[in-house]
Amino acid sequence: MIKALRGTYDILPPESALWQKVEQTAREFFAKYGYSEIRTPAFERTELFVRSIGEATDIVEKEMYTFQDRKGRSLTLRPEGTACVVRACLEHKLLAQQGALQKLYYLGPMFRYERPQAGRQRQFYQIGVELFGTYSPLADVEVIVMMVRLFERLGLEGLSVNINSLGDKESRKIFQENLRNFFEPELNNLCPDCRHRFEKNILRVLDCKNPDCKKIFSSPEMPTMKSSLTEEAKQHYETVLETLEKAGISYKEDEKLVRGLDYYTHTIFEVTHSSLGAQDAVGGGGRYNNLVEDFGGPPTGAVGFAIGVERLILALKDLGKDNGEEPVSVCFVSFDEKALTENIVFAEKLRKAGISAVTAYQKQSVKAQMRQANNLDAKWVVMRGEQERAKNSVKIKNMETGKETIVSEDKIENSIR
């Protein structure tokens, strides 16, 4: 028997109904903030991700699904969504109008070759938003608030918002130099990955999960990004924090937070939930003011986030949230062969009227059909046989009260309503 590949999985009923509920809630929620959906291809030219995510990141060096097509071009299954959205915006000139906001959201699978674990597989799903066209820190606040309020709408409580600033280009230069001076005497004590990151991109050292490296990071002499911020970057960050407080969003500053992608500037954030254990981030994002210009577009302020759908589903299930599956309203039961055909017609009339209905396709015992009605949690059972047919009627049973009523076959819809 052929099975799904490691790191991939099937989403089966009834859990698939919870996925639909999450996705539909997100679509409706984003629309209220003025966002429209964008859909991009599942694979792009490899160069797109190398340039945006960063050559020295774990994603590019170790995790991307990269292959050559028949023309020898290097292609990659998308490991994240932002670069794809930026490419699409530039290709279709969505950012050509100076000062115009472009507010987009996406839903879909991403691909990274990493160790499968709870809430993160090699094919995983993200829901994300991207806001283009403003440098204002108020946009950062609205995006963070939107993510938190979406989680609350879905019933997720006990969230933590962790936030930091990576500053502007000048701030980053200062911080990188300070880190270099701090880590240089400790190079022999760092893990091989961190020694490599020291040479290629020193900010990535802060991503390390190695316990020995983390001990070094805990030193009181460890430089912080906050102390390296320029006045302009500091003002941006302080405005974000002050406005979050006014919006009623509690947060925790995390000076070790850097996120896993090189394109971030200024505000970065993660939203976590305690039910998820060590890998507790449900979503995160930040500002990326240079990415559009790096891809050849106009200078464009941008901010966004991505939600890990698997982790969100795990958190909702841990809280005992229902799967969102709507119970069937009506189950038809056939007393004889002729009723099978008649019930197909009756059921279709109810569906056209917006009432969910199921019916049998082949002869079964009445007991088996009633068992199916119970399994489907049907609200009503409509029964038809020779006796009912002679009177042009059906028998309707209320499954909650057990009460049975005889009604004319042309009054089924009205009776159910």
Foldseek 3Di string as FASTA:
>chain_A
DDDDDFQDDDQDPPLVLLVVVLVVLVQVLVVVVVAEEDDFDQKDQLVLCCLWQHVLFCQNPPWWDWDADPVRTIMTGAQDDPSRVLVVCVVVVVPVDAQDKHKYKYKDWGATPDHDDQLGGRIFIKIKMKIKHDPALVVVLVQVVSVVVSLVVLPFDPKAKEKEFQADPQLVVQLLVLQLVLCVVVLVQQDPSQVVCNVRPNLCLLVDPDPSSVVSCPDPSHDFSQVSHDPVLNVSQVVNVVVNVVVVHDHHYDRSDDDRGDQAGTMWMFMFHVVQPPPTTQKIWHWRQCSSVSVVHDRMTMIMMMGGVSNSSVSCVVVVHDSNDDFAAEEEAEPDDVVQVVVVVLQVVLVVVVHGYDYDNDDDDSVVSVVVCVVSVYQKYWYDYDVLVVVQWIWIAGPVVRDIDIDHSVCVNVVSD
